[in-house]
């Protein structure tokens, strides 16, 4: 009996969720210097190395909505989702391709770097 959501979600699927009004929590796990270069509106910056310190709050958010974790290209976010799921936070997904793919597939106004 597994009702676990998919490990990864595409940027286009995230955009569809946002456009349909489905509540999701966008969590940006890049470094603060990367966040200064470009960001996705509405996303909360929680750098990857600080995620364990935010576990309780992330668990609370995941009780209410899906956590969509993203980084630059999708490697760090996959690691974070793997770790979160290991802590029992199953309502979390990694955005495949990260903010770079978001820029190419969804919103070209988001600068690439």
N, C-alpha and C. Protein backbone atom coordinates (compact mmCIF):
# COMPACT_ATOMS: atom_id res chain seq x y z
N UNK A 1 0.85 -1.19 0.00
CA UNK A 1 0.00 0.00 0.00
C UNK A 1 0.88 1.24 0.00
N UNK A 2 1.28 1.66 -1.18
CA UNK A 2 2.14 2.82 -1.29
C UNK A 2 1.44 3.93 -2.06
N UNK A 3 1.26 5.06 -1.41
CA UNK A 3 0.68 6.21 -2.09
C UNK A 3 1.69 7.35 -2.13
N UNK A 4 2.95 6.95 -2.20
CA UNK A 4 4.03 7.93 -2.26
C UNK A 4 4.00 8.65 -3.60
N UNK A 5 4.13 9.96 -3.54
CA UNK A 5 4.17 10.75 -4.77
C UNK A 5 5.51 10.52 -5.47
N UNK A 6 5.55 10.84 -6.76
CA UNK A 6 6.77 10.66 -7.55
C UNK A 6 7.92 11.44 -6.92
N UNK A 7 9.13 10.89 -7.06
CA UNK A 7 10.33 11.52 -6.50
C UNK A 7 10.62 12.84 -7.17
N UNK A 8 10.43 12.89 -8.50
CA UNK A 8 10.72 14.11 -9.27
C UNK A 8 9.46 14.65 -9.92
N UNK A 9 9.49 15.95 -10.18
CA UNK A 9 8.41 16.63 -10.89
C UNK A 9 9.08 17.60 -11.86
N UNK A 10 8.50 17.76 -13.04
CA UNK A 10 9.11 18.67 -14.01
C UNK A 10 8.69 20.11 -13.71
N UNK A 11 9.49 21.08 -14.15
CA UNK A 11 9.09 22.47 -13.97
C UNK A 11 7.72 22.77 -14.59
N UNK A 12 7.41 22.18 -15.74
CA UNK A 12 6.10 22.41 -16.37
C UNK A 12 4.97 21.89 -15.48
N UNK A 13 5.18 20.75 -14.84
CA UNK A 13 4.17 20.21 -13.92
C UNK A 13 4.00 21.12 -12.70
N UNK A 14 5.11 21.69 -12.22
CA UNK A 14 5.02 22.64 -11.09
C UNK A 14 4.22 23.86 -11.53
N UNK A 15 4.52 24.40 -12.71
CA UNK A 15 3.79 25.57 -13.23
C UNK A 15 2.30 25.28 -13.32
N UNK A 16 1.94 24.06 -13.81
CA UNK A 16 0.53 23.67 -13.90
C UNK A 16 -0.13 23.65 -12.53
N UNK A 17 0.56 23.14 -11.53
CA UNK A 17 0.02 23.12 -10.17
C UNK A 17 -0.22 24.55 -9.68
N UNK A 18 0.77 25.42 -9.88
CA UNK A 18 0.64 26.81 -9.45
C UNK A 18 -0.50 27.51 -10.19
N UNK A 19 -0.57 27.29 -11.50
CA UNK A 19 -1.61 27.94 -12.31
C UNK A 19 -3.01 27.47 -11.92
N UNK A 20 -3.12 26.22 -11.48
CA UNK A 20 -4.44 25.68 -11.11
C UNK A 20 -4.82 26.04 -9.68
N UNK A 21 -3.90 26.73 -8.98
CA UNK A 21 -4.19 27.13 -7.60
C UNK A 21 -3.90 26.05 -6.57
N UNK A 22 -3.31 24.94 -7.01
CA UNK A 22 -2.97 23.87 -6.08
C UNK A 22 -1.87 24.38 -5.14
N UNK A 23 -2.07 24.23 -3.83
CA UNK A 23 -1.03 24.73 -2.93
C UNK A 23 0.22 23.86 -2.97
N UNK A 24 1.34 24.49 -3.19
CA UNK A 24 2.64 23.83 -3.11
C UNK A 24 3.59 24.79 -2.40
N UNK A 25 4.61 24.24 -1.77
CA UNK A 25 5.64 25.06 -1.12
C UNK A 25 6.92 24.91 -1.91
N UNK A 26 7.36 26.00 -2.55
CA UNK A 26 8.61 25.99 -3.30
C UNK A 26 9.77 26.27 -2.36
N UNK A 27 10.69 25.33 -2.26
CA UNK A 27 11.85 25.46 -1.38
C UNK A 27 13.11 25.44 -2.24
N UNK A 28 13.83 26.56 -2.21
CA UNK A 28 15.06 26.75 -2.98
C UNK A 28 16.23 26.39 -2.07
N UNK A 29 16.99 25.34 -2.43
CA UNK A 29 18.09 24.89 -1.58
C UNK A 29 19.46 25.33 -2.09
N UNK A 30 19.47 26.34 -2.99
CA UNK A 30 20.74 26.88 -3.46
C UNK A 30 21.38 27.75 -2.39
N UNK A 31 22.59 28.21 -2.66
CA UNK A 31 23.30 29.11 -1.74
C UNK A 31 22.73 30.53 -1.86
N UNK A 32 22.89 31.33 -0.81
CA UNK A 32 22.41 32.72 -0.87
C UNK A 32 22.97 33.51 -2.05
N UNK A 33 24.23 33.27 -2.42
CA UNK A 33 24.80 34.02 -3.55
C UNK A 33 24.10 33.63 -4.86
N UNK A 34 23.67 32.38 -5.00
CA UNK A 34 22.94 31.97 -6.19
C UNK A 34 21.54 32.59 -6.20
N UNK A 35 20.94 32.65 -5.03
CA UNK A 35 19.60 33.24 -4.88
C UNK A 35 19.61 34.71 -5.28
N UNK A 36 20.73 35.39 -5.02
CA UNK A 36 20.84 36.80 -5.41
C UNK A 36 20.87 36.97 -6.92
N UNK A 37 21.37 35.96 -7.65
CA UNK A 37 21.45 36.03 -9.11
C UNK A 37 20.06 35.93 -9.72
N UNK A 38 19.29 34.96 -9.27
CA UNK A 38 17.95 34.73 -9.82
C UNK A 38 17.15 33.88 -8.84
N UNK A 39 15.84 33.99 -8.93
CA UNK A 39 14.97 33.22 -8.03
C UNK A 39 13.62 33.02 -8.70
N UNK A 40 12.83 32.11 -8.13
CA UNK A 40 11.46 31.90 -8.57
C UNK A 40 10.57 32.61 -7.55
N UNK A 41 9.70 33.49 -8.04
CA UNK A 41 8.80 34.22 -7.15
C UNK A 41 8.02 33.26 -6.26
N UNK A 42 7.98 33.58 -4.98
CA UNK A 42 7.22 32.77 -4.04
C UNK A 42 8.00 31.65 -3.40
N UNK A 43 9.22 31.41 -3.86
CA UNK A 43 10.04 30.34 -3.29
C UNK A 43 10.74 30.84 -2.03
N UNK A 44 10.91 29.93 -1.08
CA UNK A 44 11.63 30.24 0.15
C UNK A 44 13.04 29.67 0.07
N UNK A 45 14.03 30.51 0.37
CA UNK A 45 15.41 30.05 0.37
C UNK A 45 15.73 29.35 1.68
N UNK A 46 16.10 28.07 1.58
CA UNK A 46 16.63 27.30 2.72
C UNK A 46 17.84 26.55 2.17
N UNK A 47 19.03 27.15 2.27
CA UNK A 47 20.22 26.49 1.70
C UNK A 47 20.36 25.03 2.16
N UNK A 48 20.83 24.21 1.24
CA UNK A 48 20.93 22.77 1.48
C UNK A 48 21.58 22.43 2.82
N UNK A 49 22.66 23.11 3.16
CA UNK A 49 23.38 22.75 4.39
C UNK A 49 22.61 23.14 5.65
N UNK A 50 21.51 23.89 5.52
CA UNK A 50 20.71 24.25 6.70
C UNK A 50 19.42 23.45 6.80
N UNK A 51 19.14 22.60 5.82
CA UNK A 51 17.88 21.84 5.80
C UNK A 51 17.64 21.08 7.12
N UNK A 52 18.64 20.37 7.68
CA UNK A 52 18.37 19.64 8.92
C UNK A 52 17.86 20.54 10.06
N UNK A 53 18.30 21.79 10.09
CA UNK A 53 17.86 22.72 11.13
C UNK A 53 16.40 23.13 10.94
N UNK A 54 15.87 22.95 9.73
CA UNK A 54 14.49 23.34 9.40
C UNK A 54 13.54 22.15 9.32
N UNK A 55 14.01 20.97 9.73
CA UNK A 55 13.23 19.75 9.55
C UNK A 55 11.84 19.84 10.18
N UNK A 56 11.75 20.31 11.41
CA UNK A 56 10.44 20.37 12.08
C UNK A 56 9.46 21.22 11.30
N UNK A 57 9.92 22.39 10.84
CA UNK A 57 9.03 23.29 10.10
C UNK A 57 8.67 22.69 8.74
N UNK A 58 9.65 22.06 8.09
CA UNK A 58 9.37 21.43 6.79
C UNK A 58 8.36 20.29 6.95
N UNK A 59 8.47 19.53 8.04
CA UNK A 59 7.49 18.47 8.30
C UNK A 59 6.10 19.07 8.45
N UNK A 60 6.00 20.20 9.15
CA UNK A 60 4.70 20.85 9.34
C UNK A 60 4.13 21.33 8.01
N UNK A 61 4.98 21.94 7.17
CA UNK A 61 4.52 22.40 5.86
C UNK A 61 4.08 21.21 5.01
N UNK A 62 4.84 20.12 5.05
CA UNK A 62 4.53 18.93 4.25
C UNK A 62 3.24 18.26 4.70
N UNK A 63 2.81 18.51 5.94
CA UNK A 63 1.52 18.00 6.40
C UNK A 63 0.37 18.71 5.70
N UNK A 64 0.62 19.93 5.23
CA UNK A 64 -0.41 20.76 4.62
C UNK A 64 -0.35 20.75 3.08
N UNK A 65 0.85 20.61 2.53
CA UNK A 65 1.02 20.73 1.08
C UNK A 65 2.30 20.02 0.64
N UNK A 66 2.48 19.88 -0.65
CA UNK A 66 3.68 19.24 -1.19
C UNK A 66 4.86 20.20 -1.16
N UNK A 67 6.00 19.71 -0.71
CA UNK A 67 7.25 20.46 -0.79
C UNK A 67 7.86 20.22 -2.16
N UNK A 68 8.08 21.29 -2.92
CA UNK A 68 8.77 21.19 -4.20
C UNK A 68 10.16 21.77 -3.97
N UNK A 69 11.16 20.91 -3.95
CA UNK A 69 12.54 21.29 -3.66
C UNK A 69 13.27 21.51 -4.98
N UNK A 70 13.99 22.63 -5.08
CA UNK A 70 14.77 22.84 -6.31
C UNK A 70 16.11 23.50 -5.99
N UNK A 71 17.03 23.35 -6.95
CA UNK A 71 18.36 23.95 -6.85
C UNK A 71 18.71 24.49 -8.25
N UNK A 72 19.98 24.46 -8.61
CA UNK A 72 20.39 24.98 -9.92
C UNK A 72 20.04 24.00 -11.04
N UNK A 73 20.49 22.75 -10.92
CA UNK A 73 20.27 21.76 -11.98
C UNK A 73 19.53 20.51 -11.52
N UNK A 74 19.24 20.37 -10.24
CA UNK A 74 18.47 19.23 -9.76
C UNK A 74 19.23 18.20 -8.96
N UNK A 75 20.54 18.37 -8.82
CA UNK A 75 21.33 17.38 -8.07
C UNK A 75 21.16 17.59 -6.57
N UNK A 76 21.37 18.81 -6.09
CA UNK A 76 21.22 19.08 -4.65
C UNK A 76 19.78 18.82 -4.19
N UNK A 77 18.82 19.22 -5.02
CA UNK A 77 17.42 19.02 -4.61
C UNK A 77 17.09 17.53 -4.50
N UNK A 78 17.63 16.72 -5.39
CA UNK A 78 17.42 15.27 -5.30
C UNK A 78 18.02 14.72 -4.01
N UNK A 79 19.20 15.20 -3.66
CA UNK A 79 19.82 14.77 -2.40
C UNK A 79 18.98 15.18 -1.20
N UNK A 80 18.44 16.41 -1.24
CA UNK A 80 17.61 16.90 -0.13
C UNK A 80 16.33 16.07 -0.01
N UNK A 81 15.66 15.82 -1.14
CA UNK A 81 14.44 15.02 -1.10
C UNK A 81 14.73 13.61 -0.61
N UNK A 82 15.83 13.03 -1.05
CA UNK A 82 16.22 11.71 -0.57
C UNK A 82 16.38 11.73 0.95
N UNK A 83 17.05 12.77 1.47
CA UNK A 83 17.25 12.90 2.92
C UNK A 83 15.92 13.12 3.63
N UNK A 84 15.09 14.04 3.10
CA UNK A 84 13.79 14.32 3.74
C UNK A 84 12.94 13.06 3.80
N UNK A 85 12.89 12.31 2.71
CA UNK A 85 12.10 11.09 2.70
C UNK A 85 12.65 10.08 3.70
N UNK A 86 13.97 10.08 3.87
CA UNK A 86 14.58 9.23 4.89
C UNK A 86 14.18 9.62 6.30
N UNK A 87 13.79 10.88 6.48
CA UNK A 87 13.32 11.38 7.77
C UNK A 87 11.80 11.23 7.90
N UNK A 88 11.16 10.66 6.87
CA UNK A 88 9.72 10.44 6.91
C UNK A 88 8.89 11.53 6.25
N UNK A 89 9.55 12.50 5.62
CA UNK A 89 8.82 13.57 4.93
C UNK A 89 8.59 13.12 3.48
N UNK A 90 7.55 12.31 3.31
CA UNK A 90 7.30 11.70 2.00
C UNK A 90 6.65 12.67 1.02
N UNK A 91 6.01 13.71 1.52
CA UNK A 91 5.30 14.67 0.66
C UNK A 91 6.28 15.73 0.14
N UNK A 92 7.36 15.24 -0.48
CA UNK A 92 8.39 16.13 -1.03
C UNK A 92 8.82 15.61 -2.38
N UNK A 93 9.13 16.55 -3.28
CA UNK A 93 9.55 16.20 -4.64
C UNK A 93 10.69 17.10 -5.06
N UNK A 94 11.57 16.58 -5.89
CA UNK A 94 12.66 17.34 -6.47
C UNK A 94 12.23 17.83 -7.85
N UNK A 95 12.44 19.12 -8.10
CA UNK A 95 12.12 19.67 -9.42
C UNK A 95 13.25 19.33 -10.38
N UNK A 96 12.95 18.46 -11.33
CA UNK A 96 13.95 17.98 -12.29
C UNK A 96 14.54 19.14 -13.09
N UNK A 97 15.86 19.19 -13.14
CA UNK A 97 16.53 20.22 -13.92
C UNK A 97 16.70 21.55 -13.22
N UNK A 98 16.09 21.68 -12.04
CA UNK A 98 16.27 22.87 -11.22
C UNK A 98 15.80 24.17 -11.87
N UNK A 99 16.31 25.27 -11.32
CA UNK A 99 15.90 26.59 -11.80
C UNK A 99 16.38 26.81 -13.24
N UNK A 100 17.44 26.11 -13.65
CA UNK A 100 17.91 26.23 -15.02
C UNK A 100 16.85 25.73 -16.00
N UNK A 101 16.27 24.58 -15.71
CA UNK A 101 15.22 24.04 -16.58
C UNK A 101 13.94 24.86 -16.45
N UNK A 102 13.68 25.42 -15.27
CA UNK A 102 12.53 26.31 -15.09
C UNK A 102 12.66 27.47 -16.09
N UNK A 103 13.87 28.02 -16.20
CA UNK A 103 14.12 29.14 -17.09
C UNK A 103 13.90 28.75 -18.56
N UNK A 104 14.35 27.57 -18.95
CA UNK A 104 14.23 27.17 -20.36
C UNK A 104 12.83 26.67 -20.71
N UNK A 105 12.14 26.00 -19.76
CA UNK A 105 10.86 25.35 -20.06
C UNK A 105 9.64 26.18 -19.66
N UNK A 106 9.78 27.04 -18.64
CA UNK A 106 8.60 27.69 -18.06
C UNK A 106 8.65 29.21 -18.14
N UNK A 107 9.75 29.80 -17.66
CA UNK A 107 9.80 31.26 -17.53
C UNK A 107 11.15 31.80 -17.99
N UNK A 108 11.24 32.20 -19.27
CA UNK A 108 12.51 32.68 -19.82
C UNK A 108 12.97 34.03 -19.21
N UNK A 109 12.11 34.67 -18.41
CA UNK A 109 12.54 35.90 -17.75
C UNK A 109 13.44 35.61 -16.55
N UNK A 110 13.47 34.35 -16.11
CA UNK A 110 14.38 33.95 -15.02
C UNK A 110 15.76 33.74 -15.63
N UNK A 111 16.73 34.58 -15.24
CA UNK A 111 18.06 34.48 -15.85
C UNK A 111 18.73 33.13 -15.59
N UNK A 112 19.47 32.68 -16.59
CA UNK A 112 20.27 31.45 -16.44
C UNK A 112 21.69 31.87 -16.05
N UNK A 113 22.36 31.00 -15.32
CA UNK A 113 23.76 31.27 -14.93
C UNK A 113 24.55 30.00 -14.93
